[in-house]
Amino acid sequence: MDKLNKITVPASQKLRQLQKMVHDIKNNEGGIMNKIKKLKVKAPPRVPRRDYTSDTCSLSWNPSK
C-alpha cells in the first residue's frame, strides 16, 4: 500500500497542477478575447436625417433682423 501511495500522490499533484493550468488558460482566454473585441474598429453612430435644408433654415431665422 505504501508503494501505491508513493506512485499516486505525485500523479495526483501533477493532475491538479495541470487542471489549474487549464483553468487559468480558460480564464485568460476570455480576457484576451475581450481585448481583441475592444480593438476592433467600431462603425460611427448613425445620425438621423435632417428635417430641414440649410437654405430654408437661414431664410426663416435671421438674428440680424
PDB file of N, CA and C in Angstrom:
ATOM      1  N   MET A   1       0.826  -1.198   0.000  1.00  0.00           N
ATOM      2  CA  MET A   1       0.000   0.000   0.000  1.00  0.00           C
ATOM      3  C   MET A   1       0.865   1.256   0.000  1.00  0.00           C
ATOM      4  N   ASP A   2       1.988   1.155   0.676  1.00  0.00           N
ATOM      5  CA  ASP A   2       2.912   2.285   0.740  1.00  0.00           C
ATOM      6  C   ASP A   2       3.460   2.626  -0.650  1.00  0.00           C
ATOM      7  N   LYS A   3       3.767   1.587  -1.414  1.00  0.00           N
ATOM      8  CA  LYS A   3       4.290   1.806  -2.763  1.00  0.00           C
ATOM      9  C   LYS A   3       3.240   2.466  -3.648  1.00  0.00           C
ATOM     10  N   LEU A   4       2.000   2.068  -3.475  1.00  0.00           N
ATOM     11  CA  LEU A   4       0.906   2.646  -4.263  1.00  0.00           C
ATOM     12  C   LEU A   4       0.753   4.133  -3.953  1.00  0.00           C
ATOM     13  N   ASN A   5       0.840   4.504  -2.681  1.00  0.00           N
ATOM     14  CA  ASN A   5       0.764   5.916  -2.292  1.00  0.00           C
ATOM     15  C   ASN A   5       1.916   6.720  -2.897  1.00  0.00           C
ATOM     16  N   LYS A   6       3.106   6.137  -2.924  1.00  0.00           N
ATOM     17  CA  LYS A   6       4.258   6.838  -3.483  1.00  0.00           C
ATOM     18  C   LYS A   6       4.066   7.113  -4.973  1.00  0.00           C
ATOM     19  N   ILE A   7       3.344   6.254  -5.644  1.00  0.00           N
ATOM     20  CA  ILE A   7       3.106   6.431  -7.079  1.00  0.00           C
ATOM     21  C   ILE A   7       1.949   7.396  -7.327  1.00  0.00           C
ATOM     22  N   THR A   8       0.868   7.252  -6.581  1.00  0.00           N
ATOM     23  CA  THR A   8      -0.345   8.023  -6.865  1.00  0.00           C
ATOM     24  C   THR A   8      -0.279   9.466  -6.383  1.00  0.00           C
ATOM     25  N   VAL A   9       0.415   9.744  -5.303  1.00  0.00           N
ATOM     26  CA  VAL A   9       0.468  11.106  -4.768  1.00  0.00           C
ATOM     27  C   VAL A   9       1.118  12.069  -5.767  1.00  0.00           C
ATOM     28  N   PRO A  10       2.287  11.771  -6.312  1.00  0.00           N
ATOM     29  CA  PRO A  10       2.853  12.699  -7.298  1.00  0.00           C
ATOM     30  C   PRO A  10       1.968  12.834  -8.545  1.00  0.00           C
ATOM     31  N   ALA A  11       1.331  11.741  -8.939  1.00  0.00           N
ATOM     32  CA  ALA A  11       0.468  11.792 -10.119  1.00  0.00           C
ATOM     33  C   ALA A  11      -0.739  12.688  -9.864  1.00  0.00           C
ATOM     34  N   SER A  12      -1.310  12.607  -8.683  1.00  0.00           N
ATOM     35  CA  SER A  12      -2.472  13.445  -8.382  1.00  0.00           C
ATOM     36  C   SER A  12      -2.063  14.915  -8.263  1.00  0.00           C
ATOM     37  N   GLN A  13      -0.864  15.169  -7.747  1.00  0.00           N
ATOM     38  CA  GLN A  13      -0.372  16.549  -7.676  1.00  0.00           C
ATOM     39  C   GLN A  13      -0.162  17.112  -9.079  1.00  0.00           C
ATOM     40  N   LYS A  14       0.399  16.309  -9.958  1.00  0.00           N
ATOM     41  CA  LYS A  14       0.609  16.765 -11.333  1.00  0.00           C
ATOM     42  C   LYS A  14      -0.726  16.976 -12.032  1.00  0.00           C
ATOM     43  N   LEU A  15      -1.701  16.132 -11.744  1.00  0.00           N
ATOM     44  CA  LEU A  15      -3.030  16.293 -12.331  1.00  0.00           C
ATOM     45  C   LEU A  15      -3.662  17.593 -11.850  1.00  0.00           C
ATOM     46  N   ARG A  16      -3.536  17.903 -10.567  1.00  0.00           N
ATOM     47  CA  ARG A  16      -4.068  19.160 -10.034  1.00  0.00           C
ATOM     48  C   ARG A  16      -3.376  20.360 -10.672  1.00  0.00           C
ATOM     49  N   GLN A  17      -2.063  20.268 -10.841  1.00  0.00           N
ATOM     50  CA  GLN A  17      -1.330  21.355 -11.490  1.00  0.00           C
ATOM     51  C   GLN A  17      -1.806  21.553 -12.927  1.00  0.00           C
ATOM     52  N   LEU A  18      -2.020  20.448 -13.617  1.00  0.00           N
ATOM     53  CA  LEU A  18      -2.496  20.520 -14.993  1.00  0.00           C
ATOM     54  C   LEU A  18      -3.896  21.125 -15.056  1.00  0.00           C
ATOM     55  N   GLN A  19      -4.770  20.705 -14.138  1.00  0.00           N
ATOM     56  CA  GLN A  19      -6.125  21.258 -14.094  1.00  0.00           C
ATOM     57  C   GLN A  19      -6.086  22.757 -13.804  1.00  0.00           C
ATOM     58  N   LYS A  20      -5.199  23.171 -12.902  1.00  0.00           N
ATOM     59  CA  LYS A  20      -5.072  24.596 -12.580  1.00  0.00           C
ATOM     60  C   LYS A  20      -4.575  25.375 -13.792  1.00  0.00           C
ATOM     61  N   MET A  21      -3.615  24.816 -14.525  1.00  0.00           N
ATOM     62  CA  MET A  21      -3.111  25.478 -15.720  1.00  0.00           C
ATOM     63  C   MET A  21      -4.216  25.640 -16.763  1.00  0.00           C
ATOM     64  N   VAL A  22      -5.002  24.595 -16.966  1.00  0.00           N
ATOM     65  CA  VAL A  22      -6.104  24.660 -17.931  1.00  0.00           C
ATOM     66  C   VAL A  22      -7.118  25.703 -17.486  1.00  0.00           C
ATOM     67  N   HIS A  23      -7.425  25.725 -16.206  1.00  0.00           N
ATOM     68  CA  HIS A  23      -8.379  26.699 -15.663  1.00  0.00           C
ATOM     69  C   HIS A  23      -7.872  28.131 -15.866  1.00  0.00           C
ATOM     70  N   ASP A  24      -6.598  28.358 -15.586  1.00  0.00           N
ATOM     71  CA  ASP A  24      -6.009  29.692 -15.767  1.00  0.00           C
ATOM     72  C   ASP A  24      -6.023  30.110 -17.236  1.00  0.00           C
ATOM     73  N   ILE A  25      -5.726  29.174 -18.120  1.00  0.00           N
ATOM     74  CA  ILE A  25      -5.732  29.484 -19.551  1.00  0.00           C
ATOM     75  C   ILE A  25      -7.132  29.863 -20.001  1.00  0.00           C
ATOM     76  N   LYS A  26      -8.128  29.126 -19.530  1.00  0.00           N
ATOM     77  CA  LYS A  26      -9.516  29.441 -19.908  1.00  0.00           C
ATOM     78  C   LYS A  26      -9.914  30.819 -19.395  1.00  0.00           C
ATOM     79  N   ASN A  27      -9.523  31.165 -18.192  1.00  0.00           N
ATOM     80  CA  ASN A  27      -9.851  32.484 -17.638  1.00  0.00           C
ATOM     81  C   ASN A  27      -9.160  33.591 -18.422  1.00  0.00           C
ATOM     82  N   ASN A  28      -7.906  33.391 -18.763  1.00  0.00           N
ATOM     83  CA  ASN A  28      -7.162  34.409 -19.502  1.00  0.00           C
ATOM     84  C   ASN A  28      -7.647  34.536 -20.935  1.00  0.00           C
ATOM     85  N   GLU A  29      -8.140  33.450 -21.500  1.00  0.00           N
ATOM     86  CA  GLU A  29      -8.620  33.471 -22.873  1.00  0.00           C
ATOM     87  C   GLU A  29      -9.773  34.446 -23.017  1.00  0.00           C
ATOM     88  N   GLY A  30     -10.661  34.479 -22.044  1.00  0.00           N
ATOM     89  CA  GLY A  30     -11.776  35.417 -22.088  1.00  0.00           C
ATOM     90  C   GLY A  30     -11.291  36.846 -22.054  1.00  0.00           C
ATOM     91  N   GLY A  31     -10.289  37.120 -21.250  1.00  0.00           N
ATOM     92  CA  GLY A  31      -9.739  38.463 -21.178  1.00  0.00           C
ATOM     93  C   GLY A  31      -9.085  38.878 -22.482  1.00  0.00           C
ATOM     94  N   ILE A  32      -8.400  37.947 -23.104  1.00  0.00           N
ATOM     95  CA  ILE A  32      -7.749  38.244 -24.380  1.00  0.00           C
ATOM     96  C   ILE A  32      -8.801  38.501 -25.449  1.00  0.00           C
ATOM     97  N   MET A  33      -9.858  37.710 -25.455  1.00  0.00           N
ATOM     98  CA  MET A  33     -10.914  37.901 -26.455  1.00  0.00           C
ATOM     99  C   MET A  33     -11.597  39.247 -26.265  1.00  0.00           C
ATOM    100  N   ASN A  34     -11.818  39.644 -25.033  1.00  0.00           N
ATOM    101  CA  ASN A  34     -12.433  40.953 -24.783  1.00  0.00           C
ATOM    102  C   ASN A  34     -11.527  42.079 -25.266  1.00  0.00           C
ATOM    103  N   LYS A  35     -10.228  41.948 -25.060  1.00  0.00           N
ATOM    104  CA  LYS A  35      -9.291  42.970 -25.529  1.00  0.00           C
ATOM    105  C   LYS A  35      -9.309  43.062 -27.049  1.00  0.00           C
ATOM    106  N   ILE A  36      -9.374  41.918 -27.716  1.00  0.00           N
ATOM    107  CA  ILE A  36      -9.417  41.917 -29.179  1.00  0.00           C
ATOM    108  C   ILE A  36     -10.701  42.569 -29.669  1.00  0.00           C
ATOM    109  N   LYS A  37     -11.810  42.284 -29.012  1.00  0.00           N
ATOM    110  CA  LYS A  37     -13.083  42.885 -29.412  1.00  0.00           C
ATOM    111  C   LYS A  37     -13.051  44.397 -29.238  1.00  0.00           C
ATOM    112  N   LYS A  38     -12.394  44.878 -28.201  1.00  0.00           N
ATOM    113  CA  LYS A  38     -12.303  46.320 -27.966  1.00  0.00           C
ATOM    114  C   LYS A  38     -11.414  46.990 -29.006  1.00  0.00           C
ATOM    115  N   LEU A  39     -10.430  46.261 -29.529  1.00  0.00           N
ATOM    116  CA  LEU A  39      -9.525  46.830 -30.513  1.00  0.00           C
ATOM    117  C   LEU A  39     -10.167  46.973 -31.889  1.00  0.00           C
ATOM    118  N   LYS A  40     -11.205  46.193 -32.151  1.00  0.00           N
ATOM    119  CA  LYS A  40     -11.866  46.276 -33.451  1.00  0.00           C
ATOM    120  C   LYS A  40     -12.445  47.669 -33.638  1.00  0.00           C
ATOM    121  N   VAL A  41     -12.383  48.144 -34.872  1.00  0.00           N
ATOM    122  CA  VAL A  41     -12.890  49.475 -35.179  1.00  0.00           C
ATOM    123  C   VAL A  41     -14.412  49.410 -35.239  1.00  0.00           C
ATOM    124  N   LYS A  42     -15.035  50.259 -34.457  1.00  0.00           N
ATOM    125  CA  LYS A  42     -16.490  50.296 -34.441  1.00  0.00           C
ATOM    126  C   LYS A  42     -16.971  51.288 -35.487  1.00  0.00           C
ATOM    127  N   ALA A  43     -18.113  50.994 -36.080  1.00  0.00           N
ATOM    128  CA  ALA A  43     -18.690  51.896 -37.069  1.00  0.00           C
ATOM    129  C   ALA A  43     -19.192  53.156 -36.368  1.00  0.00           C
ATOM    130  N   PRO A  44     -19.121  54.297 -37.035  1.00  0.00           N
ATOM    131  CA  PRO A  44     -19.616  55.526 -36.405  1.00  0.00           C
ATOM    132  C   PRO A  44     -21.127  55.446 -36.207  1.00  0.00           C
ATOM    133  N   PRO A  45     -21.649  56.126 -35.211  1.00  0.00           N
ATOM    134  CA  PRO A  45     -23.092  56.059 -34.966  1.00  0.00           C
ATOM    135  C   PRO A  45     -23.867  56.698 -36.108  1.00  0.00           C
ATOM    136  N   ARG A  46     -25.064  56.198 -36.334  1.00  0.00           N
ATOM    137  CA  ARG A  46     -25.907  56.755 -37.390  1.00  0.00           C
ATOM    138  C   ARG A  46     -26.612  57.998 -36.871  1.00  0.00           C
ATOM    139  N   VAL A  47     -26.575  59.024 -37.677  1.00  0.00           N
ATOM    140  CA  VAL A  47     -27.218  60.282 -37.325  1.00  0.00           C
ATOM    141  C   VAL A  47     -28.503  60.377 -38.143  1.00  0.00           C
ATOM    142  N   PRO A  48     -29.619  60.747 -37.520  1.00  0.00           N
ATOM    143  CA  PRO A  48     -30.865  60.840 -38.285  1.00  0.00           C
ATOM    144  C   PRO A  48     -30.792  61.945 -39.331  1.00  0.00           C
ATOM    145  N   ARG A  49     -31.541  61.764 -40.410  1.00  0.00           N
ATOM    146  CA  ARG A  49     -31.576  62.788 -41.457  1.00  0.00           C
ATOM    147  C   ARG A  49     -32.206  64.051 -40.916  1.00  0.00           C
ATOM    148  N   ARG A  50     -31.771  65.183 -41.443  1.00  0.00           N
ATOM    149  CA  ARG A  50     -32.334  66.458 -41.009  1.00  0.00           C
ATOM    150  C   ARG A  50     -33.716  66.634 -41.618  1.00  0.00           C
ATOM    151  N   ASP A  51     -34.590  67.280 -40.882  1.00  0.00           N
ATOM    152  CA  ASP A  51     -35.941  67.543 -41.365  1.00  0.00           C
ATOM    153  C   ASP A  51     -35.979  68.807 -42.206  1.00  0.00           C
ATOM    154  N   TYR A  52     -34.898  69.516 -42.277  1.00  0.00           N
ATOM    155  CA  TYR A  52     -34.862  70.789 -42.987  1.00  0.00           C
ATOM    156  C   TYR A  52     -33.608  70.855 -43.842  1.00  0.00           C
ATOM    157  N   THR A  53     -33.609  71.773 -44.758  1.00  0.00           N
ATOM    158  CA  THR A  53     -32.398  72.011 -45.542  1.00  0.00           C
ATOM    159  C   THR A  53     -31.732  73.264 -45.006  1.00  0.00           C
ATOM    160  N   SER A  54     -30.481  73.423 -45.288  1.00  0.00           N
ATOM    161  CA  SER A  54     -29.757  74.574 -44.744  1.00  0.00           C
ATOM    162  C   SER A  54     -30.249  75.889 -45.350  1.00  0.00           C
ATOM    163  N   ASP A  55     -30.792  75.874 -46.591  1.00  0.00           N
ATOM    164  CA  ASP A  55     -31.292  77.103 -47.218  1.00  0.00           C
ATOM    165  C   ASP A  55     -32.534  77.625 -46.511  1.00  0.00           C
ATOM    166  N   THR A  56     -33.481  76.766 -46.231  1.00  0.00           N
ATOM    167  CA  THR A  56     -34.717  77.223 -45.592  1.00  0.00           C
ATOM    168  C   THR A  56     -34.462  77.647 -44.161  1.00  0.00           C
ATOM    169  N   CYS A  57     -33.503  77.049 -43.533  1.00  0.00           N
ATOM    170  CA  CYS A  57     -33.189  77.412 -42.149  1.00  0.00           C
ATOM    171  C   CYS A  57     -32.654  78.838 -42.086  1.00  0.00           C
ATOM    172  N   SER A  58     -31.778  79.184 -42.987  1.00  0.00           N
ATOM    173  CA  SER A  58     -31.195  80.525 -42.949  1.00  0.00           C
ATOM    174  C   SER A  58     -32.217  81.589 -43.341  1.00  0.00           C
ATOM    175  N   LEU A  59     -33.204  81.235 -44.148  1.00  0.00           N
ATOM    176  CA  LEU A  59     -34.223  82.202 -44.554  1.00  0.00           C
ATOM    177  C   LEU A  59     -35.270  82.430 -43.464  1.00  0.00           C
ATOM    178  N   SER A  60     -35.589  81.386 -42.723  1.00  0.00           N
ATOM    179  CA  SER A  60     -36.666  81.517 -41.744  1.00  0.00           C
ATOM    180  C   SER A  60     -36.206  82.192 -40.457  1.00  0.00           C
ATOM    181  N   TRP A  61     -34.948  82.121 -40.120  1.00  0.00           N
ATOM    182  CA  TRP A  61     -34.468  82.725 -38.880  1.00  0.00           C
ATOM    183  C   TRP A  61     -33.213  83.515 -39.172  1.00  0.00           C
ATOM    184  N   ASN A  62     -33.257  84.781 -38.905  1.00  0.00           N
ATOM    185  CA  ASN A  62     -32.103  85.635 -39.141  1.00  0.00           C
ATOM    186  C   ASN A  62     -31.942  86.545 -37.925  1.00  0.00           C
ATOM    187  N   PRO A  63     -30.896  86.402 -37.148  1.00  0.00           N
ATOM    188  CA  PRO A  63     -30.752  87.178 -35.917  1.00  0.00           C
ATOM    189  C   PRO A  63     -30.488  88.672 -36.153  1.00  0.00           C
ATOM    190  N   SER A  64     -30.052  89.061 -37.332  1.00  0.00           N
ATOM    191  CA  SER A  64     -29.743  90.472 -37.573  1.00  0.00           C
ATOM    192  C   SER A  64     -30.987  91.318 -37.847  1.00  0.00           C
ATOM    193  N   LYS A  65     -32.126  90.722 -38.146  1.00  0.00           N
ATOM    194  CA  LYS A  65     -33.354  91.489 -38.434  1.00  0.00           C
ATOM    195  C   LYS A  65     -34.061  91.920 -37.193  1.00  0.00           C
TER     196      LYS A  65
END
